[in-house]
Amino acid sequence: MSSMELFNRLMGDTMQLRGRIENLTRQSITGLKAERLGDLGAGVSRSVSLRAELGRRELSGQAMEQALGRTAVMQGSLDRLTEIAREFRTKAATRITAGDPGSLMTVQGDARAALVEVAHLLNTRHGGEYLFGGSDLTRPPIPDPEGLPTGPMAQQIAAEVAALPSQGLAATVAATRGIAQSNLAGVTPFSDRLAADAALPPGEQEARRAVPAADGQLIGYGIIAGRNADAVSQGETTGSWARDLMRNLMSLAALTPEQMSDRQTFDAFMGTLRDGLSSAELALGEEAGALGTVEARMEATQRRHDDLSTALSKQLADIEEVDVADVLVRLQATRNALEASYRAIGSLRELTLANFLR
């Protein structure tokens, strides 16, 4: 091989080494095997598939996280609603006595304040969304929470309670139950959207709000004000813990000291109120427990999404990413080879010039 041929060969090797150094330098900075996805060669299709699956898992995990944030707030509302039902069941059992009109007046004021609180709890918002409004996320389930103690439902229940001495216990209890169950405008305190939905047959009502768990699988977690989700109300009930709670608080607020004179009828009516509040309390506990089970399922699903995302990320990294430590070792070795190539070219140039001058 002539000196010129050797020189050209060394120059070619040097250019390759310089290109290799540029590529290794880029890899050491970016941590990626290739700057463009198309440069991965045979790994392109696998990389695209993994990226799509990873994106889907991450979106599902984020949706589950958001849903868990909502259910945590919902649990807080359910806990407080349960406390209200328990508190007034106890008051109806121990605080009101037929011989003490003052005890009734105290509980009446408390009941009116509790009605406002119940309405605000059913209007609980999280992230700008009404949690108990079903798909109607932007409007409150109870449009006039402050007016609940004096609204149409309360007025009609008060009229029936006032007629207790004349129409008797059974008729009064049935009438107040019917008023609380009503979805008619001018009676129900719920929004027109919720009232219209509640009036539909069960199979046609709006489904619970849900979060995707996997392809074709949903986890329902929503609770719509005015109708139970998982709980089944028992005993003296309208079939809805929310309606039971409002009905009995309104009935307590409507009683008058004069009605205490008929001890037998008064005590019997107080017994139905205690039973109604007990039904609401038990159903609320059941609802909260069922929601807790749903939360546990969502948390387990979220962990699976996280575990799969971790595994997918590792597979993707094997295709797209480099071992930076290994790259740095190879980069240094390539730099050493390039320096040796430069020295060889320099030596060859000197030799060629000496031959020329000889």
Protein backbone atom coordinates (compact mmCIF):
# COMPACT_ATOMS: atom_id res chain seq x y z
CA MET A 1 0.00 0.00 0.00
CA SER A 2 1.44 3.38 -1.03
CA SER A 3 1.86 6.25 1.44
CA MET A 4 -0.97 8.14 -0.23
CA GLU A 5 -3.36 5.19 0.01
CA LEU A 6 -2.46 4.72 3.67
CA PHE A 7 -2.99 8.42 4.26
CA ASN A 8 -6.45 8.36 2.63
CA ARG A 9 -7.41 5.29 4.62
CA LEU A 10 -6.40 6.95 7.89
CA MET A 11 -8.36 10.05 6.96
CA GLY A 12 -11.45 7.92 6.31
CA ASP A 13 -11.09 6.16 9.67
CA THR A 14 -10.67 9.54 11.35
CA MET A 15 -13.89 10.85 9.83
CA GLN A 16 -15.74 7.78 11.08
CA LEU A 17 -14.30 8.25 14.56
CA ARG A 18 -15.34 11.90 14.59
CA GLY A 19 -18.88 10.92 13.58
CA ARG A 20 -18.94 8.29 16.29
CA ILE A 21 -17.79 10.84 18.86
CA GLU A 22 -20.54 13.26 17.80
CA ASN A 23 -23.16 10.51 18.17
CA LEU A 24 -21.81 9.35 21.54
CA THR A 25 -21.64 12.93 22.79
CA ARG A 26 -25.27 13.48 21.84
CA GLN A 27 -26.27 10.21 23.53
CA SER A 28 -24.41 11.17 26.71
CA ILE A 29 -26.34 14.47 26.81
CA THR A 30 -29.83 13.27 25.81
CA GLY A 31 -29.67 9.72 27.12
CA LEU A 32 -31.37 8.58 23.90
CA LYS A 33 -30.09 6.15 21.30
CA ALA A 34 -31.44 8.22 18.42
CA GLU A 35 -32.50 11.82 17.99
CA ARG A 36 -35.47 10.86 15.84
CA LEU A 37 -37.85 7.95 16.38
CA GLY A 38 -37.36 6.80 12.80
CA ASP A 39 -33.63 6.27 13.43
CA LEU A 40 -34.32 3.39 15.83
CA GLY A 41 -34.60 0.99 12.92
CA ALA A 42 -36.24 -2.31 13.87
CA GLY A 43 -37.28 -0.91 17.26
CA VAL A 44 -39.60 1.74 15.79
CA SER A 45 -42.83 -0.28 15.73
CA ARG A 46 -42.27 -1.67 19.23
CA SER A 47 -41.47 1.80 20.52
CA VAL A 48 -44.67 3.26 19.03
CA SER A 49 -46.75 0.46 20.53
CA LEU A 50 -45.20 0.85 23.97
CA ARG A 51 -45.63 4.63 23.92
CA ALA A 52 -49.34 4.29 23.09
CA GLU A 53 -49.94 1.74 25.86
CA LEU A 54 -47.92 3.76 28.36
CA GLY A 55 -49.91 6.89 27.52
CA ARG A 56 -53.17 5.04 28.00
CA ARG A 57 -52.07 3.66 31.36
CA GLU A 58 -50.90 7.06 32.55
CA LEU A 59 -54.22 8.68 31.57
CA SER A 60 -56.13 5.93 33.38
CA GLY A 61 -53.97 6.42 36.46
CA GLN A 62 -54.58 10.16 36.42
CA ALA A 63 -58.34 9.63 36.02
CA MET A 64 -58.27 7.22 38.98
CA GLU A 65 -56.34 9.75 41.07
CA GLN A 66 -58.88 12.46 40.31
CA ALA A 67 -61.78 10.14 41.11
CA LEU A 68 -60.18 9.21 44.44
CA GLY A 69 -59.87 12.92 45.23
CA ARG A 70 -63.61 13.30 44.64
CA THR A 71 -64.58 10.27 46.70
CA ALA A 72 -62.46 11.48 49.63
CA VAL A 73 -64.46 14.72 49.69
CA MET A 74 -67.72 12.79 49.28
CA GLN A 75 -66.82 10.62 52.27
CA GLY A 76 -66.40 13.75 54.36
CA SER A 77 -69.89 14.92 53.39
CA LEU A 78 -71.41 11.49 54.09
CA ASP A 79 -69.75 11.40 57.50
CA ARG A 80 -71.23 14.76 58.46
CA LEU A 81 -74.67 13.83 57.13
CA THR A 82 -74.52 10.67 59.23
CA GLU A 83 -73.63 12.73 62.29
CA ILE A 84 -76.64 15.01 61.70
CA ALA A 85 -79.00 12.05 61.42
CA ARG A 86 -77.58 10.52 64.59
CA GLU A 87 -77.66 13.81 66.47
CA PHE A 88 -81.35 14.47 65.75
CA ARG A 89 -82.35 10.86 66.31
CA THR A 90 -80.83 11.24 69.78
CA LYS A 91 -82.49 14.63 70.31
CA ALA A 92 -85.86 13.26 69.25
CA ALA A 93 -85.41 10.42 71.73
CA THR A 94 -84.06 12.31 74.74
CA ARG A 95 -84.27 16.09 74.42
CA ILE A 96 -87.95 16.57 73.60
CA THR A 97 -90.38 15.78 76.39
CA ALA A 98 -94.11 16.28 76.30
CA GLY A 99 -94.00 18.35 79.43
CA ASP A 100 -91.34 20.81 78.27
CA PRO A 101 -92.28 23.08 75.33
CA GLY A 102 -88.91 24.80 75.63
CA SER A 103 -87.10 21.59 74.68
CA LEU A 104 -89.12 21.42 71.47
CA MET A 105 -88.38 25.03 70.53
CA THR A 106 -84.64 24.46 70.98
CA VAL A 107 -84.66 21.39 68.74
CA GLN A 108 -86.79 23.22 66.15
CA GLY A 109 -84.15 25.94 65.76
CA ASP A 110 -81.41 23.33 65.52
CA ALA A 111 -83.40 21.40 62.89
CA ARG A 112 -83.78 24.46 60.67
CA ALA A 113 -80.05 25.16 60.87
CA ALA A 114 -79.32 21.49 60.13
CA LEU A 115 -81.53 21.62 57.01
CA VAL A 116 -79.37 24.41 55.60
CA GLU A 117 -76.24 22.43 56.40
CA VAL A 118 -77.68 19.29 54.77
CA ALA A 119 -78.40 21.29 51.60
CA HIS A 120 -74.87 22.68 51.51
CA LEU A 121 -73.40 19.21 52.08
CA LEU A 122 -75.39 17.88 49.12
CA ASN A 123 -74.06 20.87 47.15
CA THR A 124 -70.46 19.95 47.96
CA ARG A 125 -68.01 20.94 45.23
CA HIS A 126 -64.56 19.68 44.35
CA GLY A 127 -62.46 21.03 41.52
CA GLY A 128 -65.36 23.26 40.48
CA GLU A 129 -67.75 20.29 40.11
CA TYR A 130 -70.85 19.48 42.15
CA LEU A 131 -70.17 15.98 43.45
CA PHE A 132 -73.77 14.95 44.15
CA GLY A 133 -75.24 16.40 40.96
CA GLY A 134 -74.67 13.44 38.65
CA SER A 135 -73.72 14.58 35.15
CA ASP A 136 -74.95 18.10 35.94
CA LEU A 137 -71.54 19.21 37.20
CA THR A 138 -72.03 22.96 37.01
CA ARG A 139 -75.37 23.44 38.81
CA PRO A 140 -76.11 22.74 42.48
CA PRO A 141 -78.35 19.75 43.26
CA ILE A 142 -80.31 21.98 45.66
CA PRO A 143 -80.63 25.42 44.01
CA ASP A 144 -81.72 27.27 47.18
CA PRO A 145 -79.92 25.76 50.18
CA GLU A 146 -80.56 28.72 52.47
CA GLY A 147 -84.28 28.58 51.68
CA LEU A 148 -84.69 24.86 52.34
CA PRO A 149 -86.23 25.30 55.85
CA THR A 150 -88.94 27.58 54.45
CA GLY A 151 -89.27 26.24 50.91
CA PRO A 152 -92.27 24.48 49.31
CA MET A 153 -91.38 21.03 50.64
CA ALA A 154 -90.99 22.36 54.19
CA GLN A 155 -94.23 24.34 53.95
CA GLN A 156 -96.24 21.36 52.75
CA ILE A 157 -94.78 19.08 55.41
CA ALA A 158 -95.51 21.72 58.04
CA ALA A 159 -99.14 21.84 56.90
CA GLU A 160 -99.45 18.08 57.29
CA VAL A 161 -97.78 18.12 60.71
CA ALA A 162 -100.17 20.89 61.78
CA ALA A 163 -103.07 18.61 60.80
CA LEU A 164 -101.72 15.77 62.95
CA PRO A 165 -104.33 16.19 65.71
CA SER A 166 -107.24 16.10 63.24
CA GLN A 167 -106.11 13.59 60.62
CA GLY A 168 -104.22 11.22 62.86
CA LEU A 169 -100.79 9.63 62.89
CA ALA A 170 -101.04 7.25 59.93
CA ALA A 171 -102.40 9.87 57.51
CA THR A 172 -99.80 12.46 58.58
CA VAL A 173 -96.90 10.04 58.24
CA ALA A 174 -98.11 8.90 54.80
CA ALA A 175 -98.61 12.50 53.66
CA THR A 176 -95.16 13.68 54.72
CA ARG A 177 -93.60 10.62 53.07
CA GLY A 178 -95.38 11.39 49.81
CA ILE A 179 -94.27 15.02 49.88
CA ALA A 180 -90.64 14.01 50.46
CA GLN A 181 -90.84 11.50 47.60
CA SER A 182 -92.32 14.03 45.17
CA ASN A 183 -90.35 15.15 42.13
CA LEU A 184 -92.86 17.79 41.10
CA ALA A 185 -91.74 21.34 40.53
CA GLY A 186 -92.96 23.50 43.37
CA VAL A 187 -92.52 20.65 45.84
CA THR A 188 -89.11 19.07 45.47
CA PRO A 189 -86.06 21.05 46.63
CA PHE A 190 -83.85 19.35 44.03
CA SER A 191 -82.85 20.87 40.70
CA ASP A 192 -85.13 20.35 37.72
CA ARG A 193 -82.47 18.10 36.16
CA LEU A 194 -82.30 15.79 39.18
CA ALA A 195 -86.05 15.85 39.70
CA ALA A 196 -86.70 14.83 36.09
CA ASP A 197 -84.17 12.03 36.34
CA ALA A 198 -85.56 10.77 39.67
CA ALA A 199 -89.05 10.59 38.13
CA LEU A 200 -87.87 8.05 35.53
CA PRO A 201 -88.13 4.28 36.07
CA PRO A 202 -84.95 2.91 37.75
CA GLY A 203 -83.67 1.29 34.55
CA GLU A 204 -83.89 4.57 32.66
CA GLN A 205 -82.27 6.82 35.25
CA GLU A 206 -78.85 8.32 34.77
CA ALA A 207 -76.00 5.95 35.53
CA ARG A 208 -73.58 6.72 38.32
CA ARG A 209 -70.48 8.69 37.51
CA ALA A 210 -67.69 6.22 36.80
CA VAL A 211 -63.99 5.99 36.05
CA PRO A 212 -62.44 3.60 33.47
CA ALA A 213 -60.66 0.66 35.08
CA ALA A 214 -59.66 -1.17 31.88
CA ASP A 215 -60.96 -1.65 28.34
CA GLY A 216 -64.74 -1.87 28.61
CA GLN A 217 -64.68 -1.79 32.43
CA LEU A 218 -65.94 1.07 34.59
CA ILE A 219 -65.90 1.62 38.33
CA GLY A 220 -69.02 3.51 39.40
CA TYR A 221 -68.53 5.87 42.33
CA GLY A 222 -70.98 8.74 41.87
CA ILE A 223 -73.83 9.43 44.29
CA ILE A 224 -76.74 11.51 43.03
CA ALA A 225 -78.59 13.63 45.57
CA GLY A 226 -82.13 12.44 46.17
CA ARG A 227 -81.59 8.75 45.42
CA ASN A 228 -79.42 6.10 46.97
CA ALA A 229 -76.45 4.65 45.12
CA ASP A 230 -75.60 1.36 46.86
CA ALA A 231 -77.52 1.72 50.12
CA VAL A 232 -80.98 0.21 50.53
CA SER A 233 -83.04 2.24 52.98
CA GLN A 234 -85.13 0.19 55.42
CA GLY A 235 -87.93 0.93 57.87
CA GLU A 236 -89.72 4.28 57.92
CA THR A 237 -88.29 5.61 54.68
CA THR A 238 -88.93 7.33 51.39
CA GLY A 239 -86.32 5.05 49.82
CA SER A 240 -83.70 7.83 49.89
CA TRP A 241 -81.53 8.75 52.86
CA ALA A 242 -81.34 12.37 51.67
CA ARG A 243 -85.12 12.71 51.44
CA ASP A 244 -85.54 10.90 54.78
CA LEU A 245 -83.16 13.29 56.48
CA MET A 246 -84.86 16.39 55.09
CA ARG A 247 -88.37 15.06 55.72
CA ASN A 248 -87.76 14.32 59.39
CA LEU A 249 -85.84 17.52 60.08
CA MET A 250 -88.69 19.49 58.49
CA SER A 251 -91.21 17.55 60.58
CA LEU A 252 -89.28 18.31 63.76
CA ALA A 253 -89.15 21.99 62.86
CA ALA A 254 -92.92 22.05 62.21
CA LEU A 255 -94.10 20.63 65.55
CA THR A 256 -95.79 23.07 67.94
CA PRO A 257 -95.90 23.10 71.75
CA GLU A 258 -99.71 22.84 71.58
CA GLN A 259 -99.42 19.41 69.99
CA MET A 260 -97.64 18.20 73.13
CA SER A 261 -100.96 18.21 74.98
CA ASP A 262 -101.98 14.99 73.23
CA ARG A 263 -99.20 12.96 74.76
CA GLN A 264 -100.07 9.68 73.05
CA THR A 265 -100.24 11.08 69.52
CA PHE A 266 -97.22 13.30 70.06
CA ASP A 267 -95.06 10.47 71.36
CA ALA A 268 -96.18 8.18 68.54
CA PHE A 269 -95.26 10.83 65.95
CA MET A 270 -91.90 11.38 67.62
CA GLY A 271 -91.37 7.63 67.35
CA THR A 272 -91.86 7.76 63.57
CA LEU A 273 -89.39 10.65 63.36
CA ARG A 274 -86.82 8.67 65.31
CA ASP A 275 -87.40 5.69 63.03
CA GLY A 276 -86.99 7.88 59.93
CA LEU A 277 -83.79 9.44 61.22
CA SER A 278 -82.50 6.00 62.17
CA SER A 279 -83.22 4.77 58.64
CA ALA A 280 -81.30 7.73 57.20
CA GLU A 281 -78.40 7.13 59.59
CA LEU A 282 -78.13 3.42 58.76
CA ALA A 283 -78.43 4.01 54.99
CA LEU A 284 -75.77 6.72 55.13
CA GLY A 285 -73.44 4.33 56.94
CA GLU A 286 -74.11 1.69 54.30
CA GLU A 287 -73.51 4.23 51.52
CA ALA A 288 -70.21 5.34 53.04
CA GLY A 289 -69.11 1.72 53.49
CA ALA A 290 -69.96 0.85 49.89
CA LEU A 291 -68.08 3.92 48.70
CA GLY A 292 -65.11 2.80 50.79
CA THR A 293 -65.17 -0.56 49.00
CA VAL A 294 -65.23 1.29 45.67
CA GLU A 295 -62.26 3.39 46.80
CA ALA A 296 -60.30 0.26 47.71
CA ARG A 297 -61.01 -1.14 44.25
CA MET A 298 -59.90 2.10 42.60
CA GLU A 299 -56.71 2.18 44.67
CA ALA A 300 -55.92 -1.42 43.68
CA THR A 301 -56.57 -0.59 40.03
CA GLN A 302 -54.39 2.49 40.29
CA ARG A 303 -51.54 0.40 41.71
CA ARG A 304 -51.86 -2.03 38.80
CA HIS A 305 -51.73 0.88 36.35
CA ASP A 306 -48.63 2.22 38.12
CA ASP A 307 -46.92 -1.18 38.12
CA LEU A 308 -47.68 -1.71 34.44
CA SER A 309 -46.53 1.81 33.62
CA THR A 310 -43.24 1.11 35.37
CA ALA A 311 -42.77 -2.13 33.41
CA LEU A 312 -43.69 -0.45 30.13
CA SER A 313 -41.33 2.44 30.83
CA LYS A 314 -38.47 -0.02 31.39
CA GLN A 315 -39.21 -1.80 28.11
CA LEU A 316 -39.36 1.53 26.29
CA ALA A 317 -36.11 2.62 27.89
CA ASP A 318 -34.40 -0.58 26.68
CA ILE A 319 -35.38 0.36 23.13
CA GLU A 320 -34.89 4.13 23.14
CA GLU A 321 -32.40 4.95 25.88
CA VAL A 322 -28.72 4.30 26.45
CA ASP A 323 -26.62 3.41 29.46
CA VAL A 324 -24.96 6.79 29.96
CA ALA A 325 -22.08 5.32 31.97
CA ASP A 326 -21.34 2.86 29.17
CA VAL A 327 -21.62 5.64 26.59
CA LEU A 328 -19.09 7.76 28.49
CA VAL A 329 -16.63 4.85 28.58
CA ARG A 330 -17.02 4.29 24.84
CA LEU A 331 -16.78 8.02 24.21
CA GLN A 332 -13.45 8.20 25.98
CA ALA A 333 -12.15 5.13 24.15
CA THR A 334 -13.24 6.65 20.83
CA ARG A 335 -11.52 9.94 21.68
CA ASN A 336 -8.32 8.03 22.46
CA ALA A 337 -8.61 6.21 19.13
CA LEU A 338 -9.16 9.54 17.33
CA GLU A 339 -6.08 11.06 18.99
CA ALA A 340 -4.06 8.01 17.94
CA SER A 341 -5.39 8.42 14.41
CA TYR A 342 -4.36 12.08 14.40
CA ARG A 343 -0.87 11.12 15.55
CA ALA A 344 -0.61 8.46 12.85
CA ILE A 345 -1.69 10.95 10.19
CA GLY A 346 0.85 13.46 11.49
CA SER A 347 3.62 10.88 11.39
CA LEU A 348 2.65 9.80 7.90
CA ARG A 349 2.66 13.38 6.67
CA GLU A 350 6.18 13.88 8.00
CA LEU A 351 7.34 10.66 6.40
CA THR A 352 5.78 11.55 3.07
CA LEU A 353 7.36 15.02 3.09
CA ALA A 354 10.77 13.56 3.94
CA ASN A 355 10.50 11.13 1.04
CA PHE A 356 9.54 13.99 -1.21
CA LEU A 357 12.55 16.11 -0.16
CA ARG A 358 14.98 13.22 -0.31
